[in-house]
C-alpha atoms as a PDB file:
ATOM      1  CA  HIS A   1      -0.125   0.145   0.195  1.00  0.00           C
ATOM      2  CA  LEU A   2       0.980   3.622  -0.919  1.00  0.00           C
ATOM      3  CA  LEU A   3       0.049   4.903   2.148  1.00  0.00           C
ATOM      4  CA  ASN A   4       2.373   2.183   4.600  1.00  0.00           C
ATOM      5  CA  PRO A   5       5.332   0.636   1.834  1.00  0.00           C
ATOM      6  CA  PRO A   6       6.080  -2.431   2.343  1.00  0.00           C
ATOM      7  CA  GLU A   7       9.105  -4.222   3.960  1.00  0.00           C
ATOM      8  CA  ILE A   8      10.458  -7.465   3.099  1.00  0.00           C
ATOM      9  CA  MET A   9      12.359  -9.479   6.199  1.00  0.00           C
ATOM     10  CA  THR A  10      15.097 -12.374   4.678  1.00  0.00           C
ATOM     11  CA  GLU A  11      16.548 -14.452   7.392  1.00  0.00           C
ATOM     12  CA  THR A  12      20.129 -12.146   6.138  1.00  0.00           C
ATOM     13  CA  ALA A  13      18.468  -8.671   5.304  1.00  0.00           C
ATOM     14  CA  TRP A  14      15.939  -6.327   4.692  1.00  0.00           C
ATOM     15  CA  LEU A  15      13.964  -4.990   1.950  1.00  0.00           C
ATOM     16  CA  ARG A  16      12.201  -1.744   1.916  1.00  0.00           C
ATOM     17  CA  PRO A  17      11.242   0.372  -1.441  1.00  0.00           C
ATOM     18  CA  ALA A  18      14.469   2.731  -2.462  1.00  0.00           C
ATOM     19  CA  LEU A  19      14.183   6.846  -1.834  1.00  0.00           C
ATOM     20  CA  GLN A  20      16.042   9.581  -3.164  1.00  0.00           C
ATOM     21  CA  LYS A  21      17.148   9.623  -0.278  1.00  0.00           C
ATOM     22  CA  ASP A  22      19.213   6.088  -1.128  1.00  0.00           C
ATOM     23  CA  ALA A  23      21.227   7.669  -4.747  1.00  0.00           C
ATOM     24  CA  SER A  24      23.899   7.880  -2.814  1.00  0.00           C
ATOM     25  CA  ALA A  25      24.113   4.702  -1.052  1.00  0.00           C
ATOM     26  CA  LEU A  26      22.599   2.588  -4.415  1.00  0.00           C
ATOM     27  CA  MET A  27      24.841   4.974  -6.670  1.00  0.00           C
ATOM     28  CA  SER A  28      28.041   2.698  -5.598  1.00  0.00           C
ATOM     29  CA  LEU A  29      26.342  -0.051  -6.429  1.00  0.00           C
ATOM     30  CA  LEU A  30      25.754   0.822 -10.221  1.00  0.00           C
ATOM     31  CA  PRO A  31      27.686  -0.349 -13.166  1.00  0.00           C
ATOM     32  CA  VAL A  32      30.037   2.884 -14.302  1.00  0.00           C
ATOM     33  CA  SER A  33      28.432   3.093 -17.830  1.00  0.00           C
ATOM     34  CA  PRO A  34      24.939   1.604 -18.350  1.00  0.00           C
ATOM     35  CA  GLU A  35      24.868  -2.272 -18.441  1.00  0.00           C
ATOM     36  CA  ASN A  36      21.411  -4.051 -19.003  1.00  0.00           C
ATOM     37  CA  ILE A  37      18.430  -2.462 -17.383  1.00  0.00           C
ATOM     38  CA  TRP A  38      20.645  -0.584 -14.496  1.00  0.00           C
ATOM     39  CA  PRO A  39      21.221   2.854 -15.333  1.00  0.00           C
ATOM     40  CA  GLY A  40      24.773   4.808 -15.547  1.00  0.00           C
ATOM     41  CA  PRO A  41      25.548   7.066 -11.924  1.00  0.00           C
ATOM     42  CA  GLU A  42      24.041  10.072 -14.165  1.00  0.00           C
ATOM     43  CA  ALA A  43      20.288   8.464 -14.897  1.00  0.00           C
ATOM     44  CA  LEU A  44      20.458   7.741 -11.160  1.00  0.00           C
ATOM     45  CA  ALA A  45      17.700   9.835  -9.752  1.00  0.00           C
ATOM     46  CA  SER A  46      15.087   9.363 -13.021  1.00  0.00           C
ATOM     47  CA  PHE A  47      15.628   5.849 -12.700  1.00  0.00           C
ATOM     48  CA  LEU A  48      14.874   5.894  -9.464  1.00  0.00           C
ATOM     49  CA  GLU A  49      11.815   8.219 -10.180  1.00  0.00           C
ATOM     50  CA  ARG A  50      10.639   5.579 -12.686  1.00  0.00           C
ATOM     51  CA  HIS A  51      11.125   2.151 -10.750  1.00  0.00           C
ATOM     52  CA  ARG A  52       9.884   3.979  -7.564  1.00  0.00           C
ATOM     53  CA  TYR A  53       7.395   1.536  -5.097  1.00  0.00           C
ATOM     54  CA  ARG A  54       3.234   2.451  -6.492  1.00  0.00           C
ATOM     55  CA  GLY A  55       1.829  -0.170  -4.833  1.00  0.00           C
ATOM     56  CA  GLY A  56       1.488  -4.141  -6.529  1.00  0.00           C
ATOM     57  CA  ALA A  57       4.658  -6.069  -6.814  1.00  0.00           C
ATOM     58  CA  THR A  58       6.682  -3.432  -8.633  1.00  0.00           C
ATOM     59  CA  GLY A  59       9.531  -0.755  -7.798  1.00  0.00           C
ATOM     60  CA  LEU A  60      13.075  -1.001  -6.864  1.00  0.00           C
ATOM     61  CA  PHE A  61      14.453  -1.703  -3.867  1.00  0.00           C
ATOM     62  CA  ALA A  62      16.990  -0.868  -1.299  1.00  0.00           C
ATOM     63  CA  VAL A  63      19.009  -3.960   0.392  1.00  0.00           C
ATOM     64  CA  VAL A  64      20.052  -3.773   3.503  1.00  0.00           C
ATOM     65  CA  ASP A  65      21.846  -6.107   6.210  1.00  0.00           C
ATOM     66  CA  GLU A  66      21.768  -6.136   9.605  1.00  0.00           C
ATOM     67  CA  LEU A  67      24.510  -3.387  10.711  1.00  0.00           C
ATOM     68  CA  ARG A  68      21.973  -0.549   8.537  1.00  0.00           C
ATOM     69  CA  ARG A  69      24.494  -1.115   5.590  1.00  0.00           C
ATOM     70  CA  THR A  70      22.514  -0.639   1.678  1.00  0.00           C
ATOM     71  CA  VAL A  71      24.294  -4.373   0.359  1.00  0.00           C
ATOM     72  CA  GLY A  72      22.195  -4.078  -2.630  1.00  0.00           C
ATOM     73  CA  MET A  73      19.579  -2.694  -4.573  1.00  0.00           C
ATOM     74  CA  ALA A  74      16.445  -5.286  -6.480  1.00  0.00           C
ATOM     75  CA  LEU A  75      14.425  -4.233  -9.625  1.00  0.00           C
ATOM     76  CA  ILE A  76      11.024  -6.214  -9.590  1.00  0.00           C
ATOM     77  CA  GLY A  77       8.127  -5.655 -12.180  1.00  0.00           C
ATOM     78  CA  HIS A  78       7.637  -8.351 -15.176  1.00  0.00           C
ATOM     79  CA  GLY A  79      10.107 -11.478 -15.198  1.00  0.00           C
ATOM     80  CA  ALA A  80      12.461 -12.547 -12.809  1.00  0.00           C
ATOM     81  CA  PRO A  81      13.280  -9.918 -10.637  1.00  0.00           C
ATOM     82  CA  GLN A  82      16.911  -7.802 -11.007  1.00  0.00           C
ATOM     83  CA  LEU A  83      19.638  -7.800  -8.390  1.00  0.00           C
ATOM     84  CA  ARG A  84      22.813  -5.726  -8.320  1.00  0.00           C
ATOM     85  CA  PHE A  85      25.010  -6.278  -4.756  1.00  0.00           C
ATOM     86  CA  LEU A  86      28.046  -4.512  -3.507  1.00  0.00           C
ATOM     87  CA  THR A  87      30.496  -6.509  -3.069  1.00  0.00           C
ATOM     88  CA  PRO A  88      30.481 -10.577  -4.060  1.00  0.00           C
ATOM     89  CA  ALA A  89      30.630 -11.555  -0.686  1.00  0.00           C
ATOM     90  CA  ASP A  90      27.305  -9.704   0.014  1.00  0.00           C
ATOM     91  CA  GLU A  91      26.173 -11.189  -2.968  1.00  0.00           C
ATOM     92  CA  GLN A  92      26.969 -14.848  -1.712  1.00  0.00           C
ATOM     93  CA  ARG A  93      25.620 -13.846   1.284  1.00  0.00           C
ATOM     94  CA  HIS A  94      22.132 -12.468   0.931  1.00  0.00           C
ATOM     95  CA  ARG A  95      21.070 -13.786  -2.481  1.00  0.00           C
ATOM     96  CA  PRO A  96      19.449 -16.390  -1.753  1.00  0.00           C
ATOM     97  CA  SER A  97      17.008 -14.915   1.237  1.00  0.00           C
ATOM     98  CA  VAL A  98      16.436 -11.760  -0.837  1.00  0.00           C
ATOM     99  CA  GLU A  99      15.471 -13.899  -4.155  1.00  0.00           C
ATOM    100  CA  ALA A 100      13.374 -16.174  -1.555  1.00  0.00           C
ATOM    101  CA  GLY A 101      11.707 -13.028  -0.167  1.00  0.00           C
ATOM    102  CA  LEU A 102      10.755 -11.804  -2.446  1.00  0.00           C
ATOM    103  CA  GLY A 103       9.727 -14.696  -4.271  1.00  0.00           C
ATOM    104  CA  ASP A 104       7.588 -14.982  -1.568  1.00  0.00           C
ATOM    105  CA  PHE A 105       6.652 -11.127  -1.921  1.00  0.00           C
ATOM    106  CA  ARG A 106       5.249 -10.542  -5.837  1.00  0.00           C
ATOM    107  CA  ALA A 107       3.161 -14.029  -4.867  1.00  0.00           C
ATOM    108  CA  GLN A 108       1.168 -12.360  -1.797  1.00  0.00           C
ATOM    109  CA  ALA A 109       1.135  -9.058  -4.010  1.00  0.00           C
ATOM    110  CA  PHE A 110      -0.483 -11.065  -6.618  1.00  0.00           C
ATOM    111  CA  LYS A 111      -2.723 -13.075  -5.091  1.00  0.00           C
ATOM    112  CA  GLU A 112      -4.014  -9.315  -3.299  1.00  0.00           C
ATOM    113  CA  SER A 113      -4.776  -7.992  -7.382  1.00  0.00           C
END
């Protein structure tokens, strides 16, 4: 719901809708130049706005670890979720639980729609 955006708790991380205030943390997760669906750093603000959570099972989510560090981001919408992580170690640690949490979230959102 837009007034109470979802927070997705997983075994190793917490996902919440990404906001413009997350831009500095998300900047370090982007490729140097545009790659697949991910923009280059200069286009991050418009990417955040275009993929802002607006309800349902779509949007850009920040992946936050137990130390409250933004260690990844997840873009969900049509097709499989697209994930990026800060380091290979963060990806190895968090990807399985993030994918499982997003799968549960998407299934629930589709049931409600």
